[in-house]
């Protein structure tokens, strides 16, 4: 578990139906979906299949974001060849409270502690000004298109491109 004063990140437990259902509710929420590059899961069954494959491949790690012991969203860390990609999604009921920034800081602290990547990257849609503002406050710099990168608070342009649909 990773903590900041505002939030806790709790590893997603696929056997915890409440966590899995909450993550699905966030991923499929009509106000959240427009901020993703890939379409939402077509069903709860597909959501579970996606999570199981991610767990088996060990390419992705997921955490539930807790604020005041309430589930507010989720975040993820994707292991690439020599980089890490971070991302998060909050339920709209929790937007505007500083939770996203605190959760991203906790995720970055964890990612940097791994000491396994040359860079930490993320992608964000151009119309998501709120998210871009948070990422820039945390030291990410816009590179090209929709990508941001960070490495020990220095930025490197390594030709990062957004993930393909379905990845």
Foldseek 3Di string as FASTA:
>chain_A
DFDDVFKDWAWDDLVPPVSLVVQLCQQQPPVFQVWDPAGGQPDSVSSSVVVVVCVVVVQKTKTFIAGPNDGFWMKMWGDDDAEIEIDITGRVVPPPPCSVLRVVVRVVVVVVVVVRHQKYKYFTAPVPVVVVVSVVVVLWDDDDHGMTMAGPSDGDCPPDDDDDHPD
